[in-house]
PDB file of all heavy atoms in Angstrom:
ATOM      1  N   ARG A   1      -4.644  -7.982  -4.943  1.00  0.00           N
ATOM      2  CA  ARG A   1      -3.782  -8.951  -4.268  1.00  0.00           C
ATOM      3  C   ARG A   1      -3.150  -8.415  -2.998  1.00  0.00           C
ATOM      4  O   ARG A   1      -2.535  -9.200  -2.209  1.00  0.00           O
ATOM      5  CB  ARG A   1      -2.671  -9.379  -5.242  1.00  0.00           C
ATOM      6  CG  ARG A   1      -3.251 -10.180  -6.389  1.00  0.00           C
ATOM      7  CD  ARG A   1      -2.153 -10.409  -7.477  1.00  0.00           C
ATOM      8  NE  ARG A   1      -2.809 -11.272  -8.565  1.00  0.00           N
ATOM      9  CZ  ARG A   1      -3.533 -10.750  -9.511  1.00  0.00           C
ATOM     10  NH1 ARG A   1      -3.731  -9.369  -9.633  1.00  0.00           N
ATOM     11  NH2 ARG A   1      -4.009 -11.479 -10.430  1.00  0.00           N
ATOM     12  N   LEU A   2      -3.193  -7.097  -2.773  1.00  0.00           N
ATOM     13  CA  LEU A   2      -2.641  -6.542  -1.595  1.00  0.00           C
ATOM     14  C   LEU A   2      -3.804  -5.689  -0.929  1.00  0.00           C
ATOM     15  O   LEU A   2      -4.096  -4.612  -1.396  1.00  0.00           O
ATOM     16  CB  LEU A   2      -1.477  -5.605  -1.890  1.00  0.00           C
ATOM     17  CG  LEU A   2      -0.727  -4.978  -0.779  1.00  0.00           C
ATOM     18  CD1 LEU A   2      -0.092  -6.074   0.169  1.00  0.00           C
ATOM     19  CD2 LEU A   2       0.377  -4.040  -1.302  1.00  0.00           C
ATOM     20  N   GLU A   3      -4.377  -6.340   0.062  1.00  0.00           N
ATOM     21  CA  GLU A   3      -5.510  -5.682   0.733  1.00  0.00           C
ATOM     22  C   GLU A   3      -5.339  -5.514   2.252  1.00  0.00           C
ATOM     23  O   GLU A   3      -4.835  -6.440   2.796  1.00  0.00           O
ATOM     24  CB  GLU A   3      -6.754  -6.518   0.468  1.00  0.00           C
ATOM     25  CG  GLU A   3      -7.042  -6.758  -0.954  1.00  0.00           C
ATOM     26  CD  GLU A   3      -8.213  -7.750  -1.204  1.00  0.00           C
ATOM     27  OE1 GLU A   3      -8.194  -8.781  -0.576  1.00  0.00           O
ATOM     28  OE2 GLU A   3      -9.044  -7.505  -2.072  1.00  0.00           O
ATOM     29  N   LEU A   4      -5.683  -4.375   2.751  1.00  0.00           N
ATOM     30  CA  LEU A   4      -5.542  -4.067   4.116  1.00  0.00           C
ATOM     31  C   LEU A   4      -6.875  -3.608   4.688  1.00  0.00           C
ATOM     32  O   LEU A   4      -7.445  -2.634   4.078  1.00  0.00           O
ATOM     33  CB  LEU A   4      -4.406  -2.958   4.275  1.00  0.00           C
ATOM     34  CG  LEU A   4      -3.900  -2.562   5.639  1.00  0.00           C
ATOM     35  CD1 LEU A   4      -3.434  -3.879   6.442  1.00  0.00           C
ATOM     36  CD2 LEU A   4      -2.792  -1.512   5.565  1.00  0.00           C
ATOM     37  N   ILE A   5      -7.330  -4.104   5.710  1.00  0.00           N
ATOM     38  CA  ILE A   5      -8.624  -3.814   6.337  1.00  0.00           C
ATOM     39  C   ILE A   5      -8.322  -3.397   7.800  1.00  0.00           C
ATOM     40  O   ILE A   5      -7.611  -4.175   8.505  1.00  0.00           O
ATOM     41  CB  ILE A   5      -9.573  -5.014   6.349  1.00  0.00           C
ATOM     42  CG1 ILE A   5      -9.724  -5.579   5.006  1.00  0.00           C
ATOM     43  CG2 ILE A   5     -10.931  -4.622   6.962  1.00  0.00           C
ATOM     44  CD1 ILE A   5     -10.402  -4.706   3.949  1.00  0.00           C
ATOM     45  N   ASP A   6      -8.786  -2.252   8.233  1.00  0.00           N
ATOM     46  CA  ASP A   6      -8.507  -1.816   9.594  1.00  0.00           C
ATOM     47  C   ASP A   6      -9.389  -2.664  10.574  1.00  0.00           C
ATOM     48  O   ASP A   6     -10.118  -3.459  10.310  1.00  0.00           O
ATOM     49  CB  ASP A   6      -8.736  -0.348   9.847  1.00  0.00           C
ATOM     50  CG  ASP A   6     -10.214   0.081   9.882  1.00  0.00           C
ATOM     51  OD1 ASP A   6     -11.112  -0.767   9.991  1.00  0.00           O
ATOM     52  OD2 ASP A   6     -10.444   1.307   9.803  1.00  0.00           O
ATOM     53  N   ARG A   7      -9.042  -2.533  11.908  1.00  0.00           N
ATOM     54  CA  ARG A   7      -9.621  -3.350  12.913  1.00  0.00           C
ATOM     55  C   ARG A   7     -11.168  -3.207  12.997  1.00  0.00           C
ATOM     56  O   ARG A   7     -11.781  -4.074  13.613  1.00  0.00           O
ATOM     57  CB  ARG A   7      -8.894  -3.216  14.244  1.00  0.00           C
ATOM     58  CG  ARG A   7      -9.063  -1.827  14.875  1.00  0.00           C
ATOM     59  CD  ARG A   7      -8.432  -1.840  16.306  1.00  0.00           C
ATOM     60  NE  ARG A   7      -8.103  -0.480  16.621  1.00  0.00           N
ATOM     61  CZ  ARG A   7      -6.868   0.043  16.725  1.00  0.00           C
ATOM     62  NH1 ARG A   7      -5.829  -0.735  16.434  1.00  0.00           N
ATOM     63  NH2 ARG A   7      -6.630   1.254  17.050  1.00  0.00           N
ATOM     64  N   THR A   8     -11.702  -2.166  12.389  1.00  0.00           N
ATOM     65  CA  THR A   8     -13.160  -1.948  12.468  1.00  0.00           C
ATOM     66  C   THR A   8     -13.824  -2.591  11.186  1.00  0.00           C
ATOM     67  O   THR A   8     -15.025  -2.490  11.072  1.00  0.00           O
ATOM     68  CB  THR A   8     -13.552  -0.464  12.563  1.00  0.00           C
ATOM     69  OG1 THR A   8     -13.159   0.181  11.347  1.00  0.00           O
ATOM     70  CG2 THR A   8     -12.887   0.208  13.732  1.00  0.00           C
ATOM     71  N   GLY A   9     -13.033  -3.129  10.318  1.00  0.00           N
ATOM     72  CA  GLY A   9     -13.542  -3.726   9.085  1.00  0.00           C
ATOM     73  C   GLY A   9     -13.591  -2.862   7.890  1.00  0.00           C
ATOM     74  O   GLY A   9     -14.109  -3.237   6.853  1.00  0.00           O
ATOM     75  N   ARG A  10     -12.999  -1.656   8.005  1.00  0.00           N
ATOM     76  CA  ARG A  10     -12.979  -0.760   6.848  1.00  0.00           C
ATOM     77  C   ARG A  10     -11.730  -0.919   6.065  1.00  0.00           C
ATOM     78  O   ARG A  10     -10.606  -1.000   6.631  1.00  0.00           O
ATOM     79  CB  ARG A  10     -13.066   0.764   7.360  1.00  0.00           C
ATOM     80  CG  ARG A  10     -14.390   1.084   7.953  1.00  0.00           C
ATOM     81  CD  ARG A  10     -14.436   2.593   8.279  1.00  0.00           C
ATOM     82  NE  ARG A  10     -15.541   2.846   9.165  1.00  0.00           N
ATOM     83  CZ  ARG A  10     -15.431   3.324  10.386  1.00  0.00           C
ATOM     84  NH1 ARG A  10     -14.223   3.598  10.903  1.00  0.00           N
ATOM     85  NH2 ARG A  10     -16.461   3.516  11.136  1.00  0.00           N
ATOM     86  N   PRO A  11     -11.870  -0.887   4.683  1.00  0.00           N
ATOM     87  CA  PRO A  11     -10.630  -0.937   3.874  1.00  0.00           C
ATOM     88  C   PRO A  11      -9.728   0.198   4.057  1.00  0.00           C
ATOM     89  O   PRO A  11     -10.294   1.338   4.171  1.00  0.00           O
ATOM     90  CB  PRO A  11     -11.184  -1.070   2.519  1.00  0.00           C
ATOM     91  CG  PRO A  11     -12.625  -1.402   2.572  1.00  0.00           C
ATOM     92  CD  PRO A  11     -13.062  -0.985   3.923  1.00  0.00           C
ATOM     93  N   ILE A  12      -8.464  -0.021   4.043  1.00  0.00           N
ATOM     94  CA  ILE A  12      -7.538   1.098   4.114  1.00  0.00           C
ATOM     95  C   ILE A  12      -7.009   1.216   2.639  1.00  0.00           C
ATOM     96  O   ILE A  12      -6.503   0.293   2.111  1.00  0.00           O
ATOM     97  CB  ILE A  12      -6.298   0.778   5.071  1.00  0.00           C
ATOM     98  CG1 ILE A  12      -6.763   0.706   6.454  1.00  0.00           C
ATOM     99  CG2 ILE A  12      -5.235   1.921   4.839  1.00  0.00           C
ATOM    100  CD1 ILE A  12      -5.667   0.248   7.426  1.00  0.00           C
ATOM    101  N   ALA A  13      -7.334   2.350   2.101  1.00  0.00           N
ATOM    102  CA  ALA A  13      -7.050   2.596   0.640  1.00  0.00           C
ATOM    103  C   ALA A  13      -5.550   2.821   0.554  1.00  0.00           C
ATOM    104  O   ALA A  13      -4.908   3.533   1.251  1.00  0.00           O
ATOM    105  CB  ALA A  13      -7.740   3.874   0.150  1.00  0.00           C
ATOM    106  N   LEU A  14      -4.986   2.054  -0.391  1.00  0.00           N
ATOM    107  CA  LEU A  14      -3.556   2.082  -0.731  1.00  0.00           C
ATOM    108  C   LEU A  14      -3.455   2.721  -2.097  1.00  0.00           C
ATOM    109  O   LEU A  14      -3.937   2.225  -3.126  1.00  0.00           O
ATOM    110  CB  LEU A  14      -2.948   0.690  -0.770  1.00  0.00           C
ATOM    111  CG  LEU A  14      -2.977  -0.026   0.581  1.00  0.00           C
ATOM    112  CD1 LEU A  14      -2.417  -1.482   0.465  1.00  0.00           C
ATOM    113  CD2 LEU A  14      -2.166   0.743   1.695  1.00  0.00           C
ATOM    114  N   HIS A  15      -2.921   3.905  -2.182  1.00  0.00           N
ATOM    115  CA  HIS A  15      -2.801   4.663  -3.416  1.00  0.00           C
ATOM    116  C   HIS A  15      -1.467   4.461  -4.041  1.00  0.00           C
ATOM    117  O   HIS A  15      -0.460   4.518  -3.455  1.00  0.00           O
ATOM    118  CB  HIS A  15      -3.054   6.221  -3.085  1.00  0.00           C
ATOM    119  CG  HIS A  15      -4.298   6.460  -2.362  1.00  0.00           C
ATOM    120  ND1 HIS A  15      -5.511   6.502  -3.023  1.00  0.00           N
ATOM    121  CD2 HIS A  15      -4.552   6.707  -1.094  1.00  0.00           C
ATOM    122  CE1 HIS A  15      -6.433   6.732  -2.159  1.00  0.00           C
ATOM    123  NE2 HIS A  15      -5.877   6.882  -0.991  1.00  0.00           N
ATOM    124  N   TRP A  16      -1.531   4.184  -5.352  1.00  0.00           N
ATOM    125  CA  TRP A  16      -0.317   4.039  -6.139  1.00  0.00           C
ATOM    126  C   TRP A  16       0.506   5.223  -6.191  1.00  0.00           C
ATOM    127  O   TRP A  16       0.041   6.329  -6.397  1.00  0.00           O
ATOM    128  CB  TRP A  16      -0.728   3.555  -7.565  1.00  0.00           C
ATOM    129  CG  TRP A  16       0.436   3.361  -8.399  1.00  0.00           C
ATOM    130  CD1 TRP A  16       1.049   4.122  -9.318  1.00  0.00           C
ATOM    131  CD2 TRP A  16       1.339   2.257  -8.351  1.00  0.00           C
ATOM    132  NE1 TRP A  16       2.100   3.634  -9.893  1.00  0.00           N
ATOM    133  CE2 TRP A  16       2.396   2.347  -9.261  1.00  0.00           C
ATOM    134  CE3 TRP A  16       1.332   1.087  -7.545  1.00  0.00           C
ATOM    135  CZ2 TRP A  16       3.350   1.430  -9.527  1.00  0.00           C
ATOM    136  CZ3 TRP A  16       2.389   0.105  -7.739  1.00  0.00           C
ATOM    137  CH2 TRP A  16       3.358   0.327  -8.700  1.00  0.00           C
ATOM    138  N   GLU A  17       1.845   5.049  -5.958  1.00  0.00           N
ATOM    139  CA  GLU A  17       2.828   6.202  -6.092  1.00  0.00           C
ATOM    140  C   GLU A  17       3.671   5.971  -7.312  1.00  0.00           C
ATOM    141  O   GLU A  17       3.656   6.832  -8.255  1.00  0.00           O
ATOM    142  CB  GLU A  17       3.664   6.354  -4.813  1.00  0.00           C
ATOM    143  CG  GLU A  17       2.890   6.995  -3.748  1.00  0.00           C
ATOM    144  CD  GLU A  17       3.793   7.510  -2.657  1.00  0.00           C
ATOM    145  OE1 GLU A  17       4.849   6.945  -2.397  1.00  0.00           O
ATOM    146  OE2 GLU A  17       3.418   8.485  -1.963  1.00  0.00           O
ATOM    147  N   ARG A  18       4.515   4.924  -7.327  1.00  0.00           N
ATOM    148  CA  ARG A  18       5.385   4.728  -8.453  1.00  0.00           C
ATOM    149  C   ARG A  18       5.987   3.320  -8.501  1.00  0.00           C
ATOM    150  O   ARG A  18       5.922   2.625  -7.481  1.00  0.00           O
ATOM    151  CB  ARG A  18       6.461   5.716  -8.437  1.00  0.00           C
ATOM    152  CG  ARG A  18       7.486   5.544  -7.357  1.00  0.00           C
ATOM    153  CD  ARG A  18       8.492   6.665  -7.291  1.00  0.00           C
ATOM    154  NE  ARG A  18       9.512   6.383  -6.288  1.00  0.00           N
ATOM    155  CZ  ARG A  18       9.414   6.514  -4.961  1.00  0.00           C
ATOM    156  NH1 ARG A  18       8.201   6.929  -4.530  1.00  0.00           N
ATOM    157  NH2 ARG A  18      10.371   6.306  -4.121  1.00  0.00           N
ATOM    158  N   LEU A  19       6.507   2.972  -9.614  1.00  0.00           N
ATOM    159  CA  LEU A  19       7.272   1.738  -9.861  1.00  0.00           C
ATOM    160  C   LEU A  19       8.799   2.150 -10.004  1.00  0.00           C
ATOM    161  O   LEU A  19       9.039   3.138 -10.693  1.00  0.00           O
ATOM    162  CB  LEU A  19       6.773   1.053 -11.055  1.00  0.00           C
ATOM    163  CG  LEU A  19       7.580  -0.241 -11.534  1.00  0.00           C
ATOM    164  CD1 LEU A  19       6.496  -1.263 -11.980  1.00  0.00           C
ATOM    165  CD2 LEU A  19       8.516   0.097 -12.546  1.00  0.00           C
ATOM    166  N   GLU A  20       9.656   1.459  -9.367  1.00  0.00           N
ATOM    167  CA  GLU A  20      11.032   1.812  -9.445  1.00  0.00           C
ATOM    168  C   GLU A  20      11.891   0.556  -9.751  1.00  0.00           C
ATOM    169  O   GLU A  20      11.626  -0.501  -9.179  1.00  0.00           O
ATOM    170  CB  GLU A  20      11.462   2.381  -8.010  1.00  0.00           C
ATOM    171  CG  GLU A  20      12.947   2.662  -7.835  1.00  0.00           C
ATOM    172  CD  GLU A  20      13.287   3.111  -6.426  1.00  0.00           C
ATOM    173  OE1 GLU A  20      12.299   3.386  -5.617  1.00  0.00           O
ATOM    174  OE2 GLU A  20      14.437   3.251  -6.166  1.00  0.00           O
ATOM    175  N   HIS A  21      12.759   0.643 -10.720  1.00  0.00           N
ATOM    176  CA  HIS A  21      13.673  -0.424 -11.031  1.00  0.00           C
ATOM    177  C   HIS A  21      14.823  -0.440 -10.079  1.00  0.00           C
ATOM    178  O   HIS A  21      15.429   0.591  -9.888  1.00  0.00           O
ATOM    179  CB  HIS A  21      14.074  -0.293 -12.491  1.00  0.00           C
ATOM    180  CG  HIS A  21      12.991  -0.435 -13.426  1.00  0.00           C
ATOM    181  ND1 HIS A  21      12.730  -1.659 -14.024  1.00  0.00           N
ATOM    182  CD2 HIS A  21      12.015   0.412 -13.962  1.00  0.00           C
ATOM    183  CE1 HIS A  21      11.661  -1.501 -14.848  1.00  0.00           C
ATOM    184  NE2 HIS A  21      11.277  -0.220 -14.796  1.00  0.00           N
ATOM    185  N   ALA A  22      15.191  -1.634  -9.569  1.00  0.00           N
ATOM    186  CA  ALA A  22      16.374  -1.778  -8.655  1.00  0.00           C
ATOM    187  C   ALA A  22      17.089  -3.059  -9.031  1.00  0.00           C
ATOM    188  O   ALA A  22      16.812  -4.035  -8.441  1.00  0.00           O
ATOM    189  CB  ALA A  22      15.884  -1.758  -7.200  1.00  0.00           C
ATOM    190  N   GLY A  23      17.989  -2.978  -9.961  1.00  0.00           N
ATOM    191  CA  GLY A  23      18.648  -4.155 -10.486  1.00  0.00           C
ATOM    192  C   GLY A  23      17.701  -5.136 -11.056  1.00  0.00           C
ATOM    193  O   GLY A  23      16.982  -4.880 -11.956  1.00  0.00           O
ATOM    194  N   ASP A  24      17.684  -6.313 -10.552  1.00  0.00           N
ATOM    195  CA  ASP A  24      16.769  -7.404 -11.106  1.00  0.00           C
ATOM    196  C   ASP A  24      15.419  -7.413 -10.311  1.00  0.00           C
ATOM    197  O   ASP A  24      14.561  -8.272 -10.531  1.00  0.00           O
ATOM    198  CB  ASP A  24      17.421  -8.800 -10.944  1.00  0.00           C
ATOM    199  CG  ASP A  24      17.692  -9.211  -9.542  1.00  0.00           C
ATOM    200  OD1 ASP A  24      17.572  -8.418  -8.636  1.00  0.00           O
ATOM    201  OD2 ASP A  24      18.056 -10.385  -9.322  1.00  0.00           O
ATOM    202  N   ALA A  25      15.167  -6.393  -9.580  1.00  0.00           N
ATOM    203  CA  ALA A  25      13.939  -6.244  -8.803  1.00  0.00           C
ATOM    204  C   ALA A  25      13.153  -5.038  -9.236  1.00  0.00           C
ATOM    205  O   ALA A  25      13.685  -4.101  -9.836  1.00  0.00           O
ATOM    206  CB  ALA A  25      14.271  -6.211  -7.297  1.00  0.00           C
ATOM    207  N   LEU A  26      11.887  -5.048  -8.830  1.00  0.00           N
ATOM    208  CA  LEU A  26      11.047  -3.804  -8.965  1.00  0.00           C
ATOM    209  C   LEU A  26      10.571  -3.468  -7.539  1.00  0.00           C
ATOM    210  O   LEU A  26      10.287  -4.277  -6.742  1.00  0.00           O
ATOM    211  CB  LEU A  26       9.889  -4.138  -9.829  1.00  0.00           C
ATOM    212  CG  LEU A  26      10.080  -4.502 -11.281  1.00  0.00           C
ATOM    213  CD1 LEU A  26       8.793  -4.905 -11.930  1.00  0.00           C
ATOM    214  CD2 LEU A  26      10.695  -3.340 -11.990  1.00  0.00           C
ATOM    215  N   LEU A  27      10.559  -2.144  -7.301  1.00  0.00           N
ATOM    216  CA  LEU A  27       9.989  -1.652  -5.971  1.00  0.00           C
ATOM    217  C   LEU A  27       8.675  -1.008  -6.378  1.00  0.00           C
ATOM    218  O   LEU A  27       8.643  -0.046  -7.125  1.00  0.00           O
ATOM    219  CB  LEU A  27      11.011  -0.690  -5.335  1.00  0.00           C
ATOM    220  CG  LEU A  27      12.372  -1.168  -5.104  1.00  0.00           C
ATOM    221  CD1 LEU A  27      13.253  -0.141  -4.475  1.00  0.00           C
ATOM    222  CD2 LEU A  27      12.263  -2.441  -4.178  1.00  0.00           C
ATOM    223  N   LEU A  28       7.601  -1.487  -5.736  1.00  0.00           N
ATOM    224  CA  LEU A  28       6.291  -0.926  -6.040  1.00  0.00           C
ATOM    225  C   LEU A  28       5.891  -0.157  -4.825  1.00  0.00           C
ATOM    226  O   LEU A  28       5.709  -0.672  -3.735  1.00  0.00           O
ATOM    227  CB  LEU A  28       5.289  -2.030  -6.229  1.00  0.00           C
ATOM    228  CG  LEU A  28       5.822  -3.224  -7.200  1.00  0.00           C
ATOM    229  CD1 LEU A  28       4.877  -4.416  -7.217  1.00  0.00           C
ATOM    230  CD2 LEU A  28       6.081  -2.602  -8.606  1.00  0.00           C
ATOM    231  N   HIS A  29       5.738   1.186  -4.989  1.00  0.00           N
ATOM    232  CA  HIS A  29       5.495   2.111  -3.859  1.00  0.00           C
ATOM    233  C   HIS A  29       3.993   2.524  -3.845  1.00  0.00           C
ATOM    234  O   HIS A  29       3.432   2.940  -4.791  1.00  0.00           O
ATOM    235  CB  HIS A  29       6.317   3.349  -4.086  1.00  0.00           C
ATOM    236  CG  HIS A  29       7.743   3.116  -4.061  1.00  0.00           C
ATOM    237  ND1 HIS A  29       8.514   3.354  -2.924  1.00  0.00           N
ATOM    238  CD2 HIS A  29       8.705   2.762  -4.959  1.00  0.00           C
ATOM    239  CE1 HIS A  29       9.741   3.075  -3.134  1.00  0.00           C
ATOM    240  NE2 HIS A  29       9.897   2.712  -4.442  1.00  0.00           N
ATOM    241  N   LEU A  30       3.514   2.450  -2.629  1.00  0.00           N
ATOM    242  CA  LEU A  30       2.057   2.867  -2.368  1.00  0.00           C
ATOM    243  C   LEU A  30       2.096   3.631  -1.019  1.00  0.00           C
ATOM    244  O   LEU A  30       3.022   3.597  -0.349  1.00  0.00           O
ATOM    245  CB  LEU A  30       1.167   1.624  -2.140  1.00  0.00           C
ATOM    246  CG  LEU A  30       1.086   0.686  -3.390  1.00  0.00           C
ATOM    247  CD1 LEU A  30       1.900  -0.601  -2.959  1.00  0.00           C
ATOM    248  CD2 LEU A  30      -0.279   0.299  -3.670  1.00  0.00           C
ATOM    249  N   ARG A  31       0.917   4.317  -0.836  1.00  0.00           N
ATOM    250  CA  ARG A  31       0.797   5.086   0.354  1.00  0.00           C
ATOM    251  C   ARG A  31      -0.680   5.045   0.830  1.00  0.00           C
ATOM    252  O   ARG A  31      -1.560   4.705   0.061  1.00  0.00           O
ATOM    253  CB  ARG A  31       1.246   6.560   0.195  1.00  0.00           C
ATOM    254  CG  ARG A  31       0.305   7.255  -0.811  1.00  0.00           C
ATOM    255  CD  ARG A  31       0.690   8.737  -1.023  1.00  0.00           C
ATOM    256  NE  ARG A  31       0.104   9.216  -2.195  1.00  0.00           N
ATOM    257  CZ  ARG A  31      -1.184   9.485  -2.368  1.00  0.00           C
ATOM    258  NH1 ARG A  31      -2.018   9.220  -1.363  1.00  0.00           N
ATOM    259  NH2 ARG A  31      -1.665   9.906  -3.549  1.00  0.00           N
ATOM    260  N   GLY A  32      -0.909   5.378   2.086  1.00  0.00           N
ATOM    261  CA  GLY A  32      -2.241   5.368   2.599  1.00  0.00           C
ATOM    262  C   GLY A  32      -2.289   6.102   3.914  1.00  0.00           C
ATOM    263  O   GLY A  32      -1.238   6.674   4.368  1.00  0.00           O
ATOM    264  N   THR A  33      -3.446   6.063   4.583  1.00  0.00           N
ATOM    265  CA  THR A  33      -3.569   6.639   5.918  1.00  0.00           C
ATOM    266  C   THR A  33      -4.244   5.603   6.800  1.00  0.00           C
ATOM    267  O   THR A  33      -5.276   4.967   6.382  1.00  0.00           O
ATOM    268  CB  THR A  33      -4.492   7.932   5.818  1.00  0.00           C
ATOM    269  OG1 THR A  33      -3.872   8.857   4.862  1.00  0.00           O
ATOM    270  CG2 THR A  33      -4.564   8.528   7.185  1.00  0.00           C
ATOM    271  N   ALA A  34      -3.752   5.389   7.962  1.00  0.00           N
ATOM    272  CA  ALA A  34      -4.294   4.434   8.854  1.00  0.00           C
ATOM    273  C   ALA A  34      -4.508   5.096  10.192  1.00  0.00           C
ATOM    274  O   ALA A  34      -3.746   4.961  11.115  1.00  0.00           O
ATOM    275  CB  ALA A  34      -3.403   3.290   9.030  1.00  0.00           C
ATOM    276  N   PRO A  35      -5.615   5.838  10.352  1.00  0.00           N
ATOM    277  CA  PRO A  35      -5.936   6.592  11.544  1.00  0.00           C
ATOM    278  C   PRO A  35      -5.968   5.763  12.768  1.00  0.00           C
ATOM    279  O   PRO A  35      -5.534   6.252  13.903  1.00  0.00           O
ATOM    280  CB  PRO A  35      -7.331   7.247  11.281  1.00  0.00           C
ATOM    281  CG  PRO A  35      -7.444   7.195   9.820  1.00  0.00           C
ATOM    282  CD  PRO A  35      -6.680   6.005   9.328  1.00  0.00           C
ATOM    283  N   ALA A  36      -6.462   4.507  12.722  1.00  0.00           N
ATOM    284  CA  ALA A  36      -6.625   3.653  13.891  1.00  0.00           C
ATOM    285  C   ALA A  36      -5.298   2.826  14.105  1.00  0.00           C
ATOM    286  O   ALA A  36      -5.308   1.991  14.943  1.00  0.00           O
ATOM    287  CB  ALA A  36      -7.773   2.730  13.724  1.00  0.00           C
ATOM    288  N   GLY A  37      -4.306   3.032  13.299  1.00  0.00           N
ATOM    289  CA  GLY A  37      -3.131   2.273  13.400  1.00  0.00           C
ATOM    290  C   GLY A  37      -3.247   0.901  12.683  1.00  0.00           C
ATOM    291  O   GLY A  37      -4.251   0.635  12.101  1.00  0.00           O
TER     292      GLY A  37
END
């Protein structure tokens, strides 16, 4: 459901980090590398 493709058409891998509880919300943390911006 959360997909990021760089301007050359290559997928930017989003790696799971953690889930954090914040009151009535959840914060879903991911990380990746985007060499081309």
